Amino acid sequence: MRNLTDCRLYGILDLSYVAVDDMERVAAAMIEGEVDVIQLRAKKSPASEIGDLAGRLHPMTSGAGIPLIVNDYAEIAATIPVEGVHVGQDDDAIAIAREKAGRAIIVGRSTHSLEQANAAQREGADYIGFGPIFATPTKPDYKPIGMENIRRVHDDVEVPIFCIGGIKIDNLGEVIAAGAKRVAIVSGILKAPDIAKYVRACKALLEPET
């Protein structure tokens, strides 16, 4: 299983963009492109249904050594062997998420400011999402935070940071130039005509300099 510190591209399989019947095909294309992490996000579905979907995806992701993260519902990790859970600012505390899972899992936290990023690290998050960098229909209620603090958050926070929000291959170079080392991409991947090709192209831009 890939170590988070080695992960650069975090793909979010958001079921507001992908039909449930198409989920495995999209996941397979993301895996073919060698995405580093996959998060299952289904904001409109109950935990029981998300657990079933995660159970269908996990054999695919684990076979490829890719961590599968479930959005919001840490209790799913108690019955499905996903690698982690992602929580927002209004969701469970990190310690509560771990307690619900009942085992050692990755727990990530969404953050929207330097203060929240530092707080998430103090709380024990294994990684943070930092954004939205740009306006995004996925988070319409959140004002974009821009790129000015990307370098600073990397100075302040030691856990892996995935910049998120409106990031696509067209602006990925700018985000990297602003100091990002890792990104999470949603619609750019899911709407791509060739998902595997798109993922590979993003990964090529994110490769660290040797």
Protein backbone atom coordinates (compact mmCIF):
# COMPACT_ATOMS: atom_id res chain seq x y z
CA MET A 1 0.00 0.00 0.00
CA ARG A 2 1.36 3.43 -0.96
CA ASN A 3 2.66 5.62 1.83
CA LEU A 4 0.96 9.01 2.04
CA THR A 5 4.31 10.80 1.95
CA ASP A 6 4.93 9.30 -1.50
CA CYS A 7 1.50 10.30 -2.83
CA ARG A 8 1.16 13.30 -5.14
CA LEU A 9 -2.20 13.00 -6.88
CA TYR A 10 -5.35 12.42 -4.83
CA GLY A 11 -8.36 11.61 -7.00
CA ILE A 12 -11.86 12.11 -5.65
CA LEU A 13 -14.52 9.80 -7.03
CA ASP A 14 -17.50 12.09 -6.42
CA LEU A 15 -20.84 10.46 -7.19
CA SER A 16 -22.40 13.82 -7.97
CA TYR A 17 -20.35 13.59 -11.19
CA VAL A 18 -20.34 9.82 -11.72
CA ALA A 19 -23.33 7.47 -11.87
CA VAL A 20 -23.15 4.56 -9.45
CA ASP A 21 -23.36 2.12 -12.37
CA ASP A 22 -20.26 3.77 -13.87
CA MET A 23 -18.27 3.90 -10.63
CA GLU A 24 -16.08 0.86 -11.20
CA ARG A 25 -15.22 1.87 -14.76
CA VAL A 26 -14.12 5.33 -13.61
CA ALA A 27 -12.15 3.87 -10.70
CA ALA A 28 -10.43 1.43 -13.03
CA ALA A 29 -9.40 4.30 -15.34
CA MET A 30 -8.06 6.29 -12.37
CA ILE A 31 -6.07 3.24 -11.29
CA GLU A 32 -4.78 2.69 -14.82
CA GLY A 33 -3.49 6.27 -14.83
CA GLU A 34 -1.73 5.53 -11.52
CA VAL A 35 -3.55 7.95 -9.26
CA ASP A 36 -2.01 7.75 -5.78
CA VAL A 37 -5.11 7.95 -3.54
CA ILE A 38 -8.82 7.57 -4.25
CA GLN A 39 -11.54 9.09 -2.09
CA LEU A 40 -15.13 7.94 -2.39
CA ARG A 41 -17.43 10.93 -1.89
CA ALA A 42 -21.20 10.54 -2.01
CA LYS A 43 -22.72 13.48 -0.15
CA LYS A 44 -26.32 12.56 -1.00
CA SER A 45 -26.09 8.89 0.01
CA PRO A 46 -26.61 7.31 3.46
CA ALA A 47 -23.68 5.68 5.24
CA SER A 48 -25.04 2.18 4.62
CA GLU A 49 -25.08 2.71 0.86
CA ILE A 50 -21.63 4.30 0.86
CA GLY A 51 -20.34 1.31 2.81
CA ASP A 52 -21.69 -1.02 0.10
CA LEU A 53 -20.03 1.08 -2.61
CA ALA A 54 -16.74 1.15 -0.72
CA GLY A 55 -16.94 -2.61 -0.41
CA ARG A 56 -17.20 -2.87 -4.19
CA LEU A 57 -14.29 -0.50 -4.79
CA HIS A 58 -11.84 -1.75 -2.18
CA PRO A 59 -10.76 -4.97 -3.95
CA MET A 60 -9.86 -2.83 -6.98
CA THR A 61 -7.92 -0.18 -5.07
CA SER A 62 -6.16 -2.53 -2.66
CA GLY A 63 -5.07 -4.76 -5.53
CA ALA A 64 -3.32 -1.72 -7.00
CA GLY A 65 -1.81 -0.65 -3.67
CA ILE A 66 -3.90 2.54 -3.66
CA PRO A 67 -5.41 3.76 -0.36
CA LEU A 68 -9.20 4.08 -0.46
CA ILE A 69 -10.52 6.94 1.67
CA VAL A 70 -14.21 7.35 2.52
CA ASN A 71 -15.63 10.83 2.95
CA ASP A 72 -17.42 11.71 6.21
CA TYR A 73 -18.43 8.36 7.70
CA ALA A 74 -15.68 6.89 9.88
CA GLU A 75 -17.99 4.09 11.04
CA ILE A 76 -17.74 2.55 7.56
CA ALA A 77 -14.11 1.70 8.35
CA ALA A 78 -15.34 -0.56 11.17
CA THR A 79 -16.91 -2.99 8.69
CA ILE A 80 -15.17 -2.29 5.35
CA PRO A 81 -11.35 -2.51 5.18
CA VAL A 82 -10.87 0.96 3.68
CA GLU A 83 -7.55 2.61 4.46
CA GLY A 84 -8.96 5.85 5.77
CA VAL A 85 -11.61 8.50 6.21
CA HIS A 86 -11.77 12.20 5.38
CA VAL A 87 -13.63 14.66 7.62
CA GLY A 88 -14.60 18.30 7.15
CA GLN A 89 -14.49 21.18 9.58
CA ASP A 90 -18.01 20.42 10.81
CA ASP A 91 -17.52 16.66 11.07
CA ASP A 92 -16.10 14.41 13.79
CA ALA A 93 -12.97 15.21 15.73
CA ILE A 94 -9.98 13.15 14.58
CA ALA A 95 -10.00 11.12 17.81
CA ILE A 96 -13.71 10.36 17.44
CA ALA A 97 -13.21 9.25 13.84
CA ARG A 98 -10.49 6.83 14.94
CA GLU A 99 -12.72 5.57 17.75
CA LYS A 100 -15.59 4.91 15.34
CA ALA A 101 -13.29 3.02 13.00
CA GLY A 102 -12.06 0.84 15.85
CA ARG A 103 -8.68 0.31 14.21
CA ALA A 104 -5.69 2.20 12.88
CA ILE A 105 -6.72 4.19 9.81
CA ILE A 106 -5.66 7.30 7.91
CA VAL A 107 -7.70 10.35 8.92
CA GLY A 108 -7.57 13.52 6.82
CA ARG A 109 -9.14 16.89 7.53
CA SER A 110 -10.39 19.64 5.19
CA THR A 111 -8.92 23.06 6.03
CA HIS A 112 -9.67 26.47 4.60
CA SER A 113 -7.08 28.70 6.28
CA LEU A 114 -3.63 28.60 7.83
CA GLU A 115 -5.22 28.55 11.28
CA GLN A 116 -7.35 25.51 10.45
CA ALA A 117 -4.38 23.75 8.84
CA ASN A 118 -2.28 24.18 11.97
CA ALA A 119 -5.19 23.13 14.17
CA ALA A 120 -5.69 19.94 12.13
CA GLN A 121 -2.04 19.03 12.54
CA ARG A 122 -2.22 19.60 16.30
CA GLU A 123 -5.35 17.44 16.39
CA GLY A 124 -3.47 14.55 14.82
CA ALA A 125 -4.64 14.55 11.20
CA ASP A 126 -2.55 12.28 8.97
CA TYR A 127 -2.94 14.72 6.08
CA ILE A 128 -4.87 17.86 5.27
CA GLY A 129 -6.79 19.17 2.30
CA PHE A 130 -6.06 22.90 1.83
CA GLY A 131 -8.48 25.00 -0.17
CA PRO A 132 -10.52 25.74 -2.12
CA ILE A 133 -7.67 27.26 -4.07
CA PHE A 134 -10.02 28.30 -6.89
CA ALA A 135 -13.80 28.56 -7.11
CA THR A 136 -15.38 25.14 -7.45
CA PRO A 137 -18.97 23.89 -7.87
CA THR A 138 -18.09 21.06 -5.48
CA LYS A 139 -17.86 23.61 -2.62
CA PRO A 140 -20.05 26.53 -3.76
CA ASP A 141 -20.41 27.96 -0.24
CA TYR A 142 -16.66 28.35 0.27
CA LYS A 143 -14.85 31.46 -0.93
CA PRO A 144 -11.62 30.59 -2.78
CA ILE A 145 -8.54 31.16 -0.61
CA GLY A 146 -6.19 31.64 -3.56
CA MET A 147 -2.56 30.62 -3.83
CA GLU A 148 -0.85 33.19 -1.60
CA ASN A 149 -0.60 30.92 1.47
CA ILE A 150 0.38 27.67 -0.25
CA ARG A 151 4.07 28.13 0.44
CA ARG A 152 3.45 29.26 3.99
CA VAL A 153 1.21 26.31 4.88
CA HIS A 154 3.99 24.00 3.67
CA ASP A 155 6.37 25.80 6.03
CA ASP A 156 3.95 25.49 8.97
CA VAL A 157 2.53 21.99 8.52
CA GLU A 158 4.59 18.80 8.42
CA VAL A 159 1.90 16.27 7.46
CA PRO A 160 1.13 15.83 3.73
CA ILE A 161 -0.86 18.73 2.28
CA PHE A 162 -3.15 18.21 -0.72
CA CYS A 163 -4.21 21.50 -2.30
CA ILE A 164 -7.78 21.25 -3.55
CA GLY A 165 -10.54 23.23 -5.18
CA GLY A 166 -10.90 24.00 -8.86
CA ILE A 167 -7.52 22.51 -9.70
CA LYS A 168 -7.24 21.10 -13.20
CA ILE A 169 -4.37 20.31 -15.52
CA ASP A 170 -4.70 23.79 -17.07
CA ASN A 171 -3.83 25.55 -13.79
CA LEU A 172 -1.83 22.79 -12.11
CA GLY A 173 1.47 24.34 -13.15
CA GLU A 174 0.54 27.61 -11.41
CA VAL A 175 -0.39 25.77 -8.21
CA ILE A 176 2.89 23.87 -8.22
CA ALA A 177 4.82 27.10 -8.88
CA ALA A 178 3.07 28.60 -5.83
CA GLY A 179 4.56 25.84 -3.68
CA ALA A 180 2.17 22.90 -3.86
CA LYS A 181 3.66 19.41 -3.75
CA ARG A 182 0.41 17.45 -3.79
CA VAL A 183 -3.06 18.13 -5.14
CA ALA A 184 -6.54 16.65 -5.07
CA ILE A 185 -8.54 16.83 -8.30
CA VAL A 186 -12.24 16.13 -8.72
CA SER A 187 -14.05 17.26 -11.88
CA GLY A 188 -10.91 17.59 -13.99
CA ILE A 189 -10.37 13.87 -13.70
CA LEU A 190 -13.99 12.76 -13.71
CA LYS A 191 -14.96 14.83 -16.78
CA ALA A 192 -11.85 13.99 -18.79
CA PRO A 193 -12.53 12.23 -22.13
CA ASP A 194 -9.66 9.86 -21.30
CA ILE A 195 -9.36 9.61 -17.53
CA ALA A 196 -6.23 7.45 -17.45
CA LYS A 197 -4.41 9.79 -19.87
CA TYR A 198 -5.45 12.85 -17.84
CA VAL A 199 -4.24 11.30 -14.58
CA ARG A 200 -0.89 10.37 -16.14
CA ALA A 201 -0.44 13.92 -17.44
CA CYS A 202 -1.15 15.40 -14.00
CA LYS A 203 1.20 12.92 -12.35
CA ALA A 204 3.98 13.91 -14.78
CA LEU A 205 3.66 17.57 -13.70
CA LEU A 206 3.69 16.58 -10.03
CA GLU A 207 6.80 14.40 -10.17
CA PRO A 208 9.38 15.87 -7.77
CA GLU A 209 12.59 17.20 -9.25
CA THR A 210 15.55 14.87 -8.84
